[in-house]
């Protein structure tokens, strides 16, 4: 996955190149950058959903093991708290 970090010299060179384009091409570049940003946001959201699903699955898988430990007469006093 690409990082948001852009080295300054590269960013400055890109800004210079863009600034030499005609206005209609700059608008196209802006649209493309917006498209890439939206695509990245969708990918981050998809990863976030996958992470949440994995967390829920792990919790469900561990529930029986915890139940065996937690469900005992010695701990019944804590159920009323």
N, C-alpha and C. Protein backbone atom coordinates (compact mmCIF):
# COMPACT_ATOMS: atom_id res chain seq x y z
N UNK A 1 0.85 -1.18 0.00
CA UNK A 1 0.00 0.00 0.00
C UNK A 1 0.89 1.24 0.00
N UNK A 2 0.56 2.20 -0.83
CA UNK A 2 1.34 3.43 -0.92
C UNK A 2 1.09 4.31 0.31
N UNK A 3 2.09 5.06 0.67
CA UNK A 3 1.95 5.95 1.81
C UNK A 3 1.60 7.35 1.34
N UNK A 4 1.13 8.19 2.26
CA UNK A 4 0.77 9.56 1.93
C UNK A 4 2.00 10.45 1.85
N UNK A 5 3.15 9.96 2.26
CA UNK A 5 4.37 10.75 2.28
C UNK A 5 4.88 10.96 0.85
N UNK A 6 5.14 12.20 0.49
CA UNK A 6 5.74 12.52 -0.79
C UNK A 6 6.98 13.36 -0.52
N UNK A 7 8.13 12.91 -1.00
CA UNK A 7 9.35 13.70 -0.80
C UNK A 7 9.19 15.09 -1.41
N UNK A 8 9.66 16.11 -0.73
CA UNK A 8 9.52 17.49 -1.18
C UNK A 8 10.03 17.74 -2.59
N UNK A 9 11.20 17.26 -2.97
CA UNK A 9 11.66 17.54 -4.34
C UNK A 9 10.70 17.00 -5.41
N UNK A 10 10.16 15.83 -5.18
CA UNK A 10 9.22 15.24 -6.13
C UNK A 10 7.93 16.06 -6.18
N UNK A 11 7.44 16.47 -5.04
CA UNK A 11 6.22 17.28 -5.00
C UNK A 11 6.43 18.61 -5.72
N UNK A 12 7.55 19.23 -5.48
CA UNK A 12 7.83 20.52 -6.14
C UNK A 12 7.95 20.34 -7.65
N UNK A 13 8.59 19.28 -8.10
CA UNK A 13 8.71 19.02 -9.53
C UNK A 13 7.34 18.78 -10.15
N UNK A 14 6.49 18.05 -9.46
CA UNK A 14 5.15 17.79 -9.96
C UNK A 14 4.33 19.08 -10.03
N UNK A 15 4.42 19.89 -9.01
CA UNK A 15 3.71 21.18 -9.00
C UNK A 15 4.19 22.04 -10.16
N UNK A 16 5.49 22.06 -10.39
CA UNK A 16 6.03 22.85 -11.51
C UNK A 16 5.49 22.34 -12.85
N UNK A 17 5.49 21.04 -13.05
CA UNK A 17 4.97 20.46 -14.29
C UNK A 17 3.50 20.82 -14.49
N UNK A 18 2.73 20.69 -13.44
CA UNK A 18 1.29 21.00 -13.53
C UNK A 18 1.09 22.47 -13.86
N UNK A 19 1.89 23.33 -13.25
CA UNK A 19 1.72 24.77 -13.47
C UNK A 19 2.01 25.19 -14.90
N UNK A 20 2.71 24.36 -15.67
CA UNK A 20 2.99 24.71 -17.06
C UNK A 20 1.88 24.28 -18.02
N UNK A 21 0.91 23.55 -17.52
CA UNK A 21 -0.18 23.06 -18.37
C UNK A 21 -1.23 24.14 -18.58
N UNK A 22 -1.99 24.02 -19.68
CA UNK A 22 -3.12 24.93 -19.88
C UNK A 22 -4.20 24.65 -18.83
N UNK A 23 -5.06 25.65 -18.60
CA UNK A 23 -6.07 25.56 -17.54
C UNK A 23 -6.96 24.33 -17.66
N UNK A 24 -7.36 23.97 -18.89
CA UNK A 24 -8.25 22.81 -19.05
C UNK A 24 -7.54 21.51 -18.68
N UNK A 25 -6.25 21.44 -18.91
CA UNK A 25 -5.48 20.24 -18.53
C UNK A 25 -5.30 20.20 -17.01
N UNK A 26 -5.12 21.35 -16.40
CA UNK A 26 -5.00 21.39 -14.93
C UNK A 26 -6.30 20.88 -14.31
N UNK A 27 -7.43 21.24 -14.90
CA UNK A 27 -8.72 20.74 -14.41
C UNK A 27 -8.78 19.22 -14.53
N UNK A 28 -8.24 18.67 -15.62
CA UNK A 28 -8.21 17.22 -15.79
C UNK A 28 -7.32 16.56 -14.73
N UNK A 29 -6.19 17.18 -14.45
CA UNK A 29 -5.29 16.67 -13.42
C UNK A 29 -6.01 16.68 -12.07
N UNK A 30 -6.72 17.76 -11.78
CA UNK A 30 -7.45 17.85 -10.52
C UNK A 30 -8.51 16.76 -10.43
N UNK A 31 -9.23 16.53 -11.52
CA UNK A 31 -10.24 15.46 -11.54
C UNK A 31 -9.59 14.10 -11.29
N UNK A 32 -8.43 13.88 -11.91
CA UNK A 32 -7.73 12.61 -11.74
C UNK A 32 -7.27 12.42 -10.30
N UNK A 33 -6.74 13.48 -9.72
CA UNK A 33 -6.29 13.41 -8.32
C UNK A 33 -7.49 13.12 -7.41
N UNK A 34 -8.62 13.76 -7.69
CA UNK A 34 -9.84 13.48 -6.90
C UNK A 34 -10.26 12.03 -7.05
N UNK A 35 -10.18 11.50 -8.28
CA UNK A 35 -10.52 10.10 -8.54
C UNK A 35 -9.62 9.17 -7.74
N UNK A 36 -8.32 9.43 -7.77
CA UNK A 36 -7.38 8.59 -7.02
C UNK A 36 -7.67 8.68 -5.52
N UNK A 37 -7.96 9.88 -5.03
CA UNK A 37 -8.29 10.04 -3.61
C UNK A 37 -9.54 9.26 -3.23
N UNK A 38 -10.56 9.30 -4.08
CA UNK A 38 -11.79 8.55 -3.80
C UNK A 38 -11.53 7.05 -3.82
N UNK A 39 -10.71 6.60 -4.76
CA UNK A 39 -10.36 5.18 -4.84
C UNK A 39 -9.61 4.73 -3.58
N UNK A 40 -8.67 5.55 -3.12
CA UNK A 40 -7.94 5.24 -1.89
C UNK A 40 -8.88 5.18 -0.69
N UNK A 41 -9.83 6.12 -0.62
CA UNK A 41 -10.78 6.14 0.50
C UNK A 41 -11.62 4.87 0.49
N UNK A 42 -12.04 4.41 -0.69
CA UNK A 42 -12.83 3.17 -0.78
C UNK A 42 -12.00 1.98 -0.33
N UNK A 43 -10.74 1.95 -0.73
CA UNK A 43 -9.87 0.84 -0.32
C UNK A 43 -9.65 0.84 1.19
N UNK A 44 -9.47 2.03 1.78
CA UNK A 44 -9.30 2.11 3.23
C UNK A 44 -10.56 1.64 3.95
N UNK A 45 -11.73 2.04 3.44
CA UNK A 45 -12.99 1.62 4.05
C UNK A 45 -13.17 0.11 3.94
N UNK A 46 -12.83 -0.46 2.79
CA UNK A 46 -12.93 -1.90 2.61
C UNK A 46 -12.00 -2.63 3.59
N UNK A 47 -10.79 -2.11 3.76
CA UNK A 47 -9.86 -2.72 4.71
C UNK A 47 -10.38 -2.61 6.13
N UNK A 48 -10.97 -1.46 6.46
CA UNK A 48 -11.53 -1.25 7.79
C UNK A 48 -12.66 -2.25 8.05
N UNK A 49 -13.53 -2.46 7.05
CA UNK A 49 -14.62 -3.43 7.20
C UNK A 49 -14.07 -4.84 7.38
N UNK A 50 -13.04 -5.18 6.63
CA UNK A 50 -12.43 -6.51 6.75
C UNK A 50 -11.81 -6.68 8.13
N UNK A 51 -11.16 -5.64 8.64
CA UNK A 51 -10.57 -5.70 9.98
C UNK A 51 -11.65 -5.90 11.05
N UNK A 52 -12.77 -5.18 10.90
CA UNK A 52 -13.86 -5.33 11.88
C UNK A 52 -14.45 -6.74 11.83
N UNK A 53 -14.61 -7.28 10.61
CA UNK A 53 -15.14 -8.63 10.47
C UNK A 53 -14.20 -9.66 11.11
N UNK A 54 -12.91 -9.47 10.93
CA UNK A 54 -11.94 -10.37 11.54
C UNK A 54 -11.99 -10.28 13.06
N UNK A 55 -12.14 -9.07 13.58
CA UNK A 55 -12.24 -8.89 15.03
C UNK A 55 -13.47 -9.59 15.58
N UNK A 56 -14.61 -9.42 14.89
CA UNK A 56 -15.84 -10.09 15.34
C UNK A 56 -15.70 -11.61 15.27
N UNK A 57 -15.08 -12.11 14.21
CA UNK A 57 -14.90 -13.56 14.08
C UNK A 57 -13.99 -14.09 15.18
N UNK A 58 -12.94 -13.37 15.51
CA UNK A 58 -12.04 -13.80 16.58
C UNK A 58 -12.76 -13.81 17.92
N UNK A 59 -13.58 -12.79 18.16
CA UNK A 59 -14.33 -12.74 19.41
C UNK A 59 -15.32 -13.90 19.50
N UNK A 60 -15.99 -14.19 18.40
CA UNK A 60 -16.95 -15.30 18.39
C UNK A 60 -16.23 -16.64 18.59
N UNK A 61 -15.06 -16.78 17.98
CA UNK A 61 -14.30 -18.03 18.12
C UNK A 61 -13.79 -18.23 19.53
N UNK A 62 -13.46 -17.14 20.22
CA UNK A 62 -12.91 -17.27 21.57
C UNK A 62 -14.00 -17.34 22.64
N UNK A 63 -15.22 -17.02 22.32
CA UNK A 63 -16.29 -17.00 23.32
C UNK A 63 -16.45 -18.33 24.06
N UNK A 64 -16.45 -19.47 23.37
CA UNK A 64 -16.59 -20.74 24.12
C UNK A 64 -15.44 -20.97 25.11
N UNK A 65 -14.24 -20.60 24.74
CA UNK A 65 -13.11 -20.80 25.65
C UNK A 65 -13.24 -19.90 26.87
N UNK A 66 -13.66 -18.65 26.67
CA UNK A 66 -13.85 -17.75 27.80
C UNK A 66 -15.02 -18.20 28.66
N UNK A 67 -16.06 -18.70 28.02
CA UNK A 67 -17.23 -19.16 28.78
C UNK A 67 -16.84 -20.29 29.73
N UNK A 68 -15.97 -21.16 29.27
CA UNK A 68 -15.53 -22.26 30.13
C UNK A 68 -14.79 -21.75 31.36
N UNK A 69 -14.11 -20.66 31.23
CA UNK A 69 -13.36 -20.09 32.35
C UNK A 69 -14.26 -19.23 33.22
N UNK A 70 -15.11 -18.41 32.59
CA UNK A 70 -15.91 -17.45 33.33
C UNK A 70 -17.14 -18.04 33.99
N UNK A 71 -17.72 -19.07 33.40
CA UNK A 71 -18.95 -19.65 33.94
C UNK A 71 -18.62 -20.70 35.00
N UNK A 72 -18.44 -20.21 36.22
CA UNK A 72 -18.15 -21.11 37.32
C UNK A 72 -18.77 -20.53 38.59
N UNK A 73 -19.03 -21.36 39.57
CA UNK A 73 -19.71 -20.90 40.77
C UNK A 73 -18.94 -19.80 41.53
N UNK A 74 -17.63 -19.84 41.49
CA UNK A 74 -16.85 -18.83 42.21
C UNK A 74 -17.06 -17.42 41.65
N UNK A 75 -17.33 -17.32 40.36
CA UNK A 75 -17.50 -16.01 39.74
C UNK A 75 -18.95 -15.56 39.66
N UNK A 76 -19.89 -16.39 40.13
CA UNK A 76 -21.31 -16.01 40.06
C UNK A 76 -21.60 -14.71 40.80
N UNK A 77 -20.83 -14.40 41.83
CA UNK A 77 -21.06 -13.19 42.60
C UNK A 77 -20.87 -11.95 41.72
N UNK A 78 -20.03 -12.04 40.72
CA UNK A 78 -19.77 -10.89 39.83
C UNK A 78 -20.91 -10.65 38.84
N UNK A 79 -21.77 -11.66 38.62
CA UNK A 79 -22.86 -11.50 37.68
C UNK A 79 -23.87 -10.46 38.12
N UNK A 80 -23.96 -10.22 39.42
CA UNK A 80 -24.96 -9.26 39.93
C UNK A 80 -24.42 -7.84 39.98
N UNK A 81 -23.18 -7.66 39.62
CA UNK A 81 -22.59 -6.30 39.67
C UNK A 81 -22.94 -5.52 38.44
